[in-house]
Amino acid sequence: MRRGPTLSVRCLVLALALVAPGAASAALITYGFTATLATVDDPGDVFGGQLGPGSLITGSYTFESTTPDAEPADPTLGSYDGALDSATLTLGTSVLTLGAAGSTSNTMFFVNDIDLSGTPVDGYAPFWVTPTAALDGTPIVFGGMLVYLASSDTTINASDATQTTQPNAGAAAFDQLNLVQIQGNVSGSIFTLSGSVSDLPVTTPEPGTGLLLGLGVTALAAARRELRAR
């Protein structure tokens, strides 16, 4: 008499089925950075004097890796309009959070052998324009954020396709362009922070990916053990 799957195997398969759709549909990638500020324009003292030239800020941003390229005919420029999903920036003791607000103006760019003043470069850039934003949990009017990195090392990107892991090149490799600019408006007081990326931490996978893989391996191992026992 053939026996059906044991309860443990059925539970694992069910858990796998529940996790898989979310993990597959999200396809979110997170990049991070540390930047050193060069100029701080904060006439309204939004940051209480905490930030100045030389101050370090940290940030991470998440984007949708399945967004189609808006420039498919151009092999040097990948323009992924509306791909940016969220970002978190630590500015002194303040935390600035950004949302996409469904705007196609919030674009993730990847460049591959693109000509920059006569030099072929590889790189990437998240460009936020008027997303939803909050500073320490309070909604603010936000201007934009740009983190633009370009390198003469044309092995950094294999193509202009979305890179599902953050390129391993250190900040020093981006010798052609290294720019961070953040602008916002808090109760009519406009601030502008400018600087350059000084460190690029290793990106970790989204939690759902590891959970999905673990469940899949466990379910397969349990199924194999049960089959051998029959």
Protein backbone atom coordinates (compact mmCIF):
# COMPACT_ATOMS: atom_id res chain seq x y z
CA MET A 1 0.00 0.00 0.00
CA ARG A 2 1.42 3.41 -0.99
CA ARG A 3 1.71 5.90 1.79
CA GLY A 4 1.22 9.63 1.30
CA PRO A 5 3.77 12.20 2.42
CA THR A 6 4.35 12.46 6.15
CA LEU A 7 2.99 15.43 8.09
CA SER A 8 6.46 16.96 8.42
CA VAL A 9 7.07 16.89 4.68
CA ARG A 10 3.62 18.29 3.92
CA CYS A 11 4.24 21.16 6.37
CA LEU A 12 7.58 21.96 4.79
CA VAL A 13 6.13 21.94 1.30
CA LEU A 14 3.28 24.21 2.44
CA ALA A 15 5.73 26.64 4.05
CA LEU A 16 7.79 26.67 0.88
CA ALA A 17 4.71 27.43 -1.21
CA LEU A 18 3.75 30.30 1.09
CA VAL A 19 7.20 31.90 1.02
CA ALA A 20 7.97 31.40 -2.66
CA PRO A 21 5.40 33.79 -4.23
CA GLY A 22 6.46 36.70 -2.03
CA ALA A 23 10.15 36.10 -2.58
CA ALA A 24 9.72 35.79 -6.32
CA SER A 25 7.47 38.81 -6.76
CA ALA A 26 9.48 41.18 -4.55
CA ALA A 27 12.91 40.73 -6.21
CA LEU A 28 14.24 43.61 -4.10
CA ILE A 29 17.96 44.41 -4.07
CA THR A 30 19.63 46.55 -1.42
CA TYR A 31 22.82 48.59 -1.87
CA GLY A 32 24.60 50.49 0.90
CA PHE A 33 27.21 53.23 1.25
CA THR A 34 29.08 55.49 3.65
CA ALA A 35 29.79 59.03 2.49
CA THR A 36 31.98 61.87 3.69
CA LEU A 37 30.38 65.30 3.46
CA ALA A 38 32.28 68.11 1.76
CA THR A 39 29.69 70.89 2.09
CA VAL A 40 26.67 71.35 4.34
CA ASP A 41 24.14 74.08 3.58
CA ASP A 42 21.70 74.08 6.52
CA PRO A 43 20.63 77.67 7.18
CA GLY A 44 17.65 76.58 9.26
CA ASP A 45 19.84 74.40 11.50
CA VAL A 46 17.71 71.34 10.75
CA PHE A 47 20.48 69.07 12.02
CA GLY A 48 21.38 71.13 15.08
CA GLY A 49 24.95 71.74 13.99
CA GLN A 50 25.75 68.02 13.95
CA LEU A 51 26.83 67.94 10.31
CA GLY A 52 29.74 69.71 8.69
CA PRO A 53 32.58 69.12 6.24
CA GLY A 54 34.16 65.76 7.09
CA SER A 55 31.05 64.32 8.75
CA LEU A 56 30.23 60.72 7.86
CA ILE A 57 26.74 59.68 6.84
CA THR A 58 25.50 56.19 6.03
CA GLY A 59 22.71 55.02 3.80
CA SER A 60 21.07 52.10 2.07
CA TYR A 61 18.55 51.97 -0.73
CA THR A 62 16.37 49.23 -2.14
CA PHE A 63 15.25 48.79 -5.73
CA GLU A 64 13.17 46.38 -7.78
CA SER A 65 15.42 44.20 -9.91
CA THR A 66 12.70 43.16 -12.39
CA THR A 67 11.97 46.70 -13.61
CA PRO A 68 12.46 46.82 -17.41
CA ASP A 69 15.13 48.98 -19.01
CA ALA A 70 13.62 52.17 -20.44
CA GLU A 71 16.54 52.39 -22.90
CA PRO A 72 16.74 48.81 -24.28
CA ALA A 73 18.38 49.89 -27.55
CA ASP A 74 21.34 51.48 -25.75
CA PRO A 75 23.81 48.81 -24.50
CA THR A 76 25.76 51.37 -22.47
CA LEU A 77 22.91 52.79 -20.38
CA GLY A 78 20.38 50.88 -18.31
CA SER A 79 17.65 53.25 -17.14
CA TYR A 80 15.24 51.55 -14.72
CA ASP A 81 12.49 54.11 -14.22
CA GLY A 82 10.46 53.65 -11.06
CA ALA A 83 12.72 50.87 -9.75
CA LEU A 84 13.70 52.64 -6.53
CA ASP A 85 11.60 51.42 -3.61
CA SER A 86 12.93 52.87 -0.34
CA ALA A 87 16.00 54.31 1.34
CA THR A 88 17.25 54.99 4.86
CA LEU A 89 19.95 57.59 5.62
CA THR A 90 21.58 58.20 8.98
CA LEU A 91 22.52 61.89 9.21
CA GLY A 92 24.14 62.52 12.56
CA THR A 93 21.52 61.41 15.09
CA SER A 94 18.70 61.95 12.58
CA VAL A 95 17.24 59.32 10.27
CA LEU A 96 15.87 60.27 6.87
CA THR A 97 13.62 57.70 5.20
CA LEU A 98 12.52 57.83 1.57
CA GLY A 99 9.71 56.11 -0.30
CA ALA A 100 9.13 55.90 -4.02
CA ALA A 101 5.59 57.28 -4.08
CA GLY A 102 5.05 55.40 -7.33
CA SER A 103 7.06 57.94 -9.30
CA THR A 104 8.79 56.79 -12.49
CA SER A 105 11.19 59.70 -11.95
CA ASN A 106 12.89 57.69 -9.19
CA THR A 107 15.35 55.87 -11.42
CA MET A 108 18.15 53.35 -10.93
CA PHE A 109 20.88 53.67 -13.56
CA PHE A 110 23.58 51.19 -14.57
CA VAL A 111 26.22 52.18 -17.10
CA ASN A 112 28.56 49.91 -19.06
CA ASP A 113 31.41 51.33 -21.17
CA ILE A 114 29.53 54.60 -21.51
CA ASP A 115 31.54 57.58 -22.76
CA LEU A 116 32.22 60.14 -20.03
CA SER A 117 34.27 63.05 -21.42
CA GLY A 118 36.15 60.71 -23.74
CA THR A 119 36.70 57.94 -21.16
CA PRO A 120 34.65 54.71 -21.15
CA VAL A 121 33.29 54.10 -17.66
CA ASP A 122 31.22 51.61 -15.69
CA GLY A 123 29.07 52.57 -12.75
CA TYR A 124 25.64 53.04 -11.23
CA ALA A 125 23.45 55.74 -9.73
CA PRO A 126 20.18 55.88 -7.80
CA PHE A 127 18.39 59.16 -8.59
CA TRP A 128 15.46 60.11 -6.35
CA VAL A 129 13.18 62.98 -7.31
CA THR A 130 10.51 64.21 -4.86
CA PRO A 131 9.79 60.86 -3.16
CA THR A 132 7.75 60.65 0.01
CA ALA A 133 10.09 61.35 2.91
CA ALA A 134 10.25 61.61 6.69
CA LEU A 135 12.92 62.95 9.03
CA ASP A 136 12.87 61.20 12.39
CA GLY A 137 9.36 59.98 11.58
CA THR A 138 7.94 63.40 10.66
CA PRO A 139 6.90 63.84 6.99
CA ILE A 140 8.90 66.47 5.11
CA VAL A 141 8.97 67.96 1.62
CA PHE A 142 11.87 66.29 -0.12
CA GLY A 143 13.91 67.56 -3.06
CA GLY A 144 16.04 64.60 -4.16
CA MET A 145 19.03 62.33 -3.70
CA LEU A 146 21.75 61.29 -6.13
CA VAL A 147 24.58 58.82 -5.53
CA TYR A 148 26.60 58.66 -8.74
CA LEU A 149 29.62 56.37 -9.04
CA ALA A 150 31.64 55.98 -12.27
CA SER A 151 34.91 54.11 -12.77
CA SER A 152 37.46 53.77 -15.55
CA ASP A 153 37.57 50.07 -14.62
CA THR A 154 35.21 48.74 -17.29
CA THR A 155 35.09 45.26 -15.72
CA ILE A 156 32.85 46.44 -12.87
CA ASN A 157 29.63 45.88 -14.85
CA ALA A 158 29.38 43.08 -17.40
CA SER A 159 26.49 44.92 -19.07
CA ASP A 160 23.98 47.69 -18.41
CA ALA A 161 21.59 45.16 -16.86
CA THR A 162 20.54 45.40 -13.22
CA GLN A 163 23.34 44.09 -11.00
CA THR A 164 21.66 41.84 -8.43
CA THR A 165 24.58 42.21 -6.03
CA GLN A 166 26.38 45.45 -5.31
CA PRO A 167 29.59 45.65 -7.36
CA ASN A 168 32.59 44.60 -5.25
CA ALA A 169 34.79 47.51 -6.30
CA GLY A 170 35.79 49.73 -3.38
CA ALA A 171 35.01 53.43 -3.28
CA ALA A 172 38.51 54.30 -4.53
CA ALA A 173 37.82 52.47 -7.79
CA PHE A 174 35.26 55.11 -8.79
CA ASP A 175 37.88 57.54 -10.04
CA GLN A 176 35.82 59.29 -12.74
CA LEU A 177 32.82 60.39 -10.72
CA ASN A 178 31.97 60.01 -7.05
CA LEU A 179 29.13 62.22 -5.93
CA VAL A 180 26.51 62.19 -3.19
CA GLN A 181 23.92 64.94 -2.98
CA ILE A 182 20.88 65.12 -0.71
CA GLN A 183 18.37 67.94 -0.56
CA GLY A 184 15.23 68.46 1.50
CA ASN A 185 12.78 71.00 2.88
CA VAL A 186 11.76 70.97 6.54
CA SER A 187 9.04 73.52 7.33
CA GLY A 188 10.34 75.88 4.66
CA SER A 189 13.99 75.45 5.58
CA ILE A 190 15.93 73.92 2.67
CA PHE A 191 19.06 71.90 3.39
CA THR A 192 21.63 70.56 0.92
CA LEU A 193 24.31 68.00 1.76
CA SER A 194 27.09 67.21 -0.73
CA GLY A 195 30.03 64.83 -0.57
CA SER A 196 31.47 61.59 -1.89
CA VAL A 197 31.21 57.90 -1.12
CA SER A 198 34.05 56.74 1.13
CA ASP A 199 33.01 53.12 1.74
CA LEU A 200 30.84 50.53 0.02
CA PRO A 201 29.79 47.74 2.39
CA VAL A 202 29.07 44.22 1.20
CA THR A 203 25.39 43.74 0.35
CA THR A 204 23.49 41.02 2.21
CA PRO A 205 20.65 39.03 0.56
CA GLU A 206 17.05 39.86 1.38
CA PRO A 207 15.83 37.69 4.32
CA GLY A 208 13.20 35.97 2.19
CA THR A 209 15.85 34.57 -0.13
CA GLY A 210 17.74 32.74 2.60
CA LEU A 211 14.53 31.47 4.18
CA LEU A 212 13.25 30.20 0.85
CA LEU A 213 16.50 28.39 0.12
CA GLY A 214 16.60 26.84 3.60
CA LEU A 215 13.04 25.59 3.39
CA GLY A 216 13.60 24.16 -0.07
CA VAL A 217 16.70 22.21 0.98
CA THR A 218 15.00 20.92 4.13
CA ALA A 219 11.90 19.82 2.24
CA LEU A 220 13.93 17.99 -0.40
CA ALA A 221 16.07 16.21 2.20
CA ALA A 222 13.00 15.10 4.15
CA ALA A 223 11.32 13.83 0.99
CA ARG A 224 14.41 11.81 0.01
CA ARG A 225 14.61 10.21 3.47
CA GLU A 226 10.96 9.21 3.30
CA LEU A 227 11.33 7.66 -0.14
CA ARG A 228 14.32 5.62 0.98
CA ALA A 229 12.37 4.31 3.98
CA ARG A 230 9.59 2.89 1.78
